[in-house]
Amino acid sequence: LINLLKFLMSNETVLLAKHNIFTLALMIVNLFNMFITYGDTFLPTPSSYDELYYEIIRMHQSFDNLYSM
């Protein structure tokens, strides 16, 4: 999902002319929100929940760029 966000942001000018990428970006952010909020109920182990947080923090620049759009 993070790579999809990076793709959307890197091709923003081309995609924006043809598609509404903000709807897709909103869906992706909502999925991350669901994983953060309820991930402990359906992720297999607590370490996978920790890895999710680690990846979100590690890739914070993608979320910052999305916020700037």
N, C-alpha and C. Protein backbone atom coordinates (compact mmCIF):
# COMPACT_ATOMS: atom_id res chain seq x y z
N LEU A 1 0.82 -1.20 0.00
CA LEU A 1 0.00 0.00 0.00
C LEU A 1 0.86 1.26 0.00
N ILE A 2 1.96 1.19 0.73
CA ILE A 2 2.84 2.36 0.75
C ILE A 2 3.47 2.58 -0.62
N ASN A 3 3.83 1.50 -1.30
CA ASN A 3 4.37 1.64 -2.65
C ASN A 3 3.33 2.19 -3.61
N LEU A 4 2.08 1.83 -3.42
CA LEU A 4 1.02 2.39 -4.24
C LEU A 4 0.89 3.89 -4.00
N LEU A 5 0.99 4.31 -2.76
CA LEU A 5 0.97 5.75 -2.46
C LEU A 5 2.14 6.47 -3.12
N LYS A 6 3.32 5.86 -3.04
CA LYS A 6 4.49 6.46 -3.67
C LYS A 6 4.31 6.57 -5.18
N PHE A 7 3.72 5.54 -5.79
CA PHE A 7 3.44 5.58 -7.22
C PHE A 7 2.47 6.71 -7.56
N LEU A 8 1.41 6.84 -6.78
CA LEU A 8 0.43 7.90 -7.03
C LEU A 8 1.07 9.28 -6.94
N MET A 9 1.93 9.47 -5.97
CA MET A 9 2.55 10.77 -5.79
C MET A 9 3.60 11.06 -6.86
N SER A 10 4.32 10.03 -7.29
CA SER A 10 5.34 10.27 -8.30
C SER A 10 4.74 10.51 -9.69
N ASN A 11 3.54 9.98 -9.93
CA ASN A 11 2.86 10.17 -11.21
C ASN A 11 1.62 11.03 -11.08
N GLU A 12 1.64 11.90 -10.13
CA GLU A 12 0.47 12.72 -9.81
C GLU A 12 -0.01 13.53 -11.00
N THR A 13 0.89 14.18 -11.71
CA THR A 13 0.48 15.08 -12.79
C THR A 13 -0.17 14.31 -13.93
N VAL A 14 0.35 13.14 -14.25
CA VAL A 14 -0.22 12.34 -15.34
C VAL A 14 -1.56 11.74 -14.92
N LEU A 15 -1.60 11.17 -13.72
CA LEU A 15 -2.81 10.50 -13.26
C LEU A 15 -3.94 11.46 -12.94
N LEU A 16 -3.61 12.61 -12.43
CA LEU A 16 -4.64 13.56 -12.01
C LEU A 16 -5.45 14.07 -13.19
N ALA A 17 -4.83 14.13 -14.36
CA ALA A 17 -5.56 14.59 -15.54
C ALA A 17 -6.62 13.59 -15.98
N LYS A 18 -6.41 12.30 -15.68
CA LYS A 18 -7.32 11.27 -16.16
C LYS A 18 -8.20 10.67 -15.07
N HIS A 19 -7.71 10.66 -13.83
CA HIS A 19 -8.42 9.97 -12.75
C HIS A 19 -8.42 10.82 -11.48
N ASN A 20 -9.35 10.51 -10.61
CA ASN A 20 -9.38 11.16 -9.30
C ASN A 20 -8.55 10.31 -8.33
N ILE A 21 -7.28 10.64 -8.21
CA ILE A 21 -6.39 9.83 -7.37
C ILE A 21 -6.63 10.08 -5.89
N PHE A 22 -7.30 11.16 -5.55
CA PHE A 22 -7.53 11.46 -4.15
C PHE A 22 -8.49 10.46 -3.51
N THR A 23 -9.42 9.95 -4.27
CA THR A 23 -10.34 8.93 -3.76
C THR A 23 -9.58 7.67 -3.41
N LEU A 24 -8.68 7.24 -4.30
CA LEU A 24 -7.87 6.06 -4.04
C LEU A 24 -6.94 6.29 -2.86
N ALA A 25 -6.33 7.46 -2.79
CA ALA A 25 -5.45 7.77 -1.67
C ALA A 25 -6.21 7.77 -0.35
N LEU A 26 -7.43 8.26 -0.37
CA LEU A 26 -8.26 8.24 0.84
C LEU A 26 -8.57 6.82 1.27
N MET A 27 -8.85 5.95 0.31
CA MET A 27 -9.12 4.55 0.64
C MET A 27 -7.89 3.89 1.27
N ILE A 28 -6.72 4.19 0.75
CA ILE A 28 -5.49 3.62 1.29
C ILE A 28 -5.25 4.10 2.71
N VAL A 29 -5.43 5.39 2.94
CA VAL A 29 -5.25 5.93 4.29
C VAL A 29 -6.27 5.34 5.24
N ASN A 30 -7.50 5.14 4.78
CA ASN A 30 -8.51 4.51 5.63
C ASN A 30 -8.14 3.07 5.98
N LEU A 31 -7.54 2.35 5.04
CA LEU A 31 -7.08 1.00 5.34
C LEU A 31 -5.99 1.01 6.41
N PHE A 32 -5.05 1.93 6.29
CA PHE A 32 -4.03 2.05 7.32
C PHE A 32 -4.65 2.39 8.67
N ASN A 33 -5.64 3.26 8.65
CA ASN A 33 -6.32 3.63 9.89
C ASN A 33 -7.00 2.41 10.51
N MET A 34 -7.62 1.58 9.68
CA MET A 34 -8.27 0.38 10.19
C MET A 34 -7.23 -0.58 10.79
N PHE A 35 -6.09 -0.75 10.11
CA PHE A 35 -5.05 -1.63 10.64
C PHE A 35 -4.49 -1.11 11.96
N ILE A 36 -4.34 0.20 12.06
CA ILE A 36 -3.81 0.77 13.30
C ILE A 36 -4.83 0.63 14.43
N THR A 37 -6.08 0.90 14.13
CA THR A 37 -7.11 0.87 15.16
C THR A 37 -7.49 -0.54 15.59
N TYR A 38 -7.67 -1.44 14.63
CA TYR A 38 -8.19 -2.77 14.95
C TYR A 38 -7.21 -3.89 14.62
N GLY A 39 -5.98 -3.56 14.28
CA GLY A 39 -5.02 -4.57 13.86
C GLY A 39 -4.74 -5.63 14.89
N ASP A 40 -4.82 -5.28 16.15
CA ASP A 40 -4.54 -6.28 17.19
C ASP A 40 -5.58 -7.39 17.22
N THR A 41 -6.74 -7.17 16.63
CA THR A 41 -7.78 -8.20 16.63
C THR A 41 -7.64 -9.20 15.48
N PHE A 42 -7.01 -8.80 14.36
CA PHE A 42 -6.94 -9.72 13.24
C PHE A 42 -5.54 -10.00 12.72
N LEU A 43 -4.53 -9.27 13.17
CA LEU A 43 -3.16 -9.61 12.78
C LEU A 43 -2.71 -10.83 13.57
N PRO A 44 -1.92 -11.70 12.94
CA PRO A 44 -1.64 -13.00 13.58
C PRO A 44 -0.82 -12.94 14.86
N THR A 45 0.12 -12.00 14.95
CA THR A 45 0.96 -11.93 16.15
C THR A 45 1.16 -10.49 16.56
N PRO A 46 1.51 -10.27 17.82
CA PRO A 46 1.82 -8.89 18.24
C PRO A 46 3.03 -8.32 17.50
N SER A 47 3.96 -9.16 17.10
CA SER A 47 5.12 -8.65 16.38
C SER A 47 4.74 -8.13 15.00
N SER A 48 3.71 -8.68 14.37
CA SER A 48 3.27 -8.16 13.08
C SER A 48 2.64 -6.78 13.25
N TYR A 49 1.99 -6.56 14.37
CA TYR A 49 1.44 -5.24 14.69
C TYR A 49 2.59 -4.24 14.87
N ASP A 50 3.65 -4.67 15.55
CA ASP A 50 4.83 -3.81 15.73
C ASP A 50 5.50 -3.51 14.39
N GLU A 51 5.55 -4.49 13.52
CA GLU A 51 6.16 -4.28 12.20
C GLU A 51 5.36 -3.29 11.37
N LEU A 52 4.04 -3.33 11.51
CA LEU A 52 3.19 -2.36 10.82
C LEU A 52 3.53 -0.95 11.26
N TYR A 53 3.62 -0.73 12.57
CA TYR A 53 3.99 0.59 13.08
C TYR A 53 5.37 1.00 12.61
N TYR A 54 6.31 0.06 12.63
CA TYR A 54 7.67 0.35 12.18
C TYR A 54 7.68 0.82 10.73
N GLU A 55 6.95 0.12 9.86
CA GLU A 55 6.93 0.49 8.45
C GLU A 55 6.26 1.84 8.23
N ILE A 56 5.22 2.12 8.97
CA ILE A 56 4.54 3.41 8.84
C ILE A 56 5.48 4.54 9.27
N ILE A 57 6.19 4.33 10.35
CA ILE A 57 7.13 5.36 10.82
C ILE A 57 8.31 5.48 9.87
N ARG A 58 8.79 4.34 9.36
CA ARG A 58 9.95 4.36 8.46
C ARG A 58 9.61 5.06 7.15
N MET A 59 8.39 4.93 6.69
CA MET A 59 7.97 5.53 5.42
C MET A 59 7.16 6.81 5.64
N HIS A 60 7.42 7.51 6.70
CA HIS A 60 6.64 8.70 7.04
C HIS A 60 6.68 9.75 5.95
N GLN A 61 7.76 9.79 5.18
CA GLN A 61 7.88 10.80 4.13
C GLN A 61 6.77 10.65 3.09
N SER A 62 6.37 9.44 2.80
CA SER A 62 5.28 9.22 1.84
C SER A 62 3.97 9.81 2.36
N PHE A 63 3.72 9.64 3.64
CA PHE A 63 2.49 10.18 4.22
C PHE A 63 2.57 11.71 4.34
N ASP A 64 3.75 12.23 4.60
CA ASP A 64 3.92 13.68 4.63
C ASP A 64 3.68 14.29 3.24
N ASN A 65 4.19 13.63 2.20
CA ASN A 65 3.99 14.11 0.84
C ASN A 65 2.52 14.03 0.45
N LEU A 66 1.85 12.99 0.87
CA LEU A 66 0.43 12.85 0.58
C LEU A 66 -0.34 13.98 1.27
N TYR A 67 0.02 14.29 2.48
CA TYR A 67 -0.63 15.38 3.20
C TYR A 67 -0.41 16.70 2.48
N SER A 68 0.76 16.89 1.89
CA SER A 68 1.06 18.12 1.17
C SER A 68 0.23 18.27 -0.10
N MET A 69 -0.15 17.11 -0.70
CA MET A 69 -0.98 17.18 -1.92
C MET A 69 -2.33 17.75 -1.57
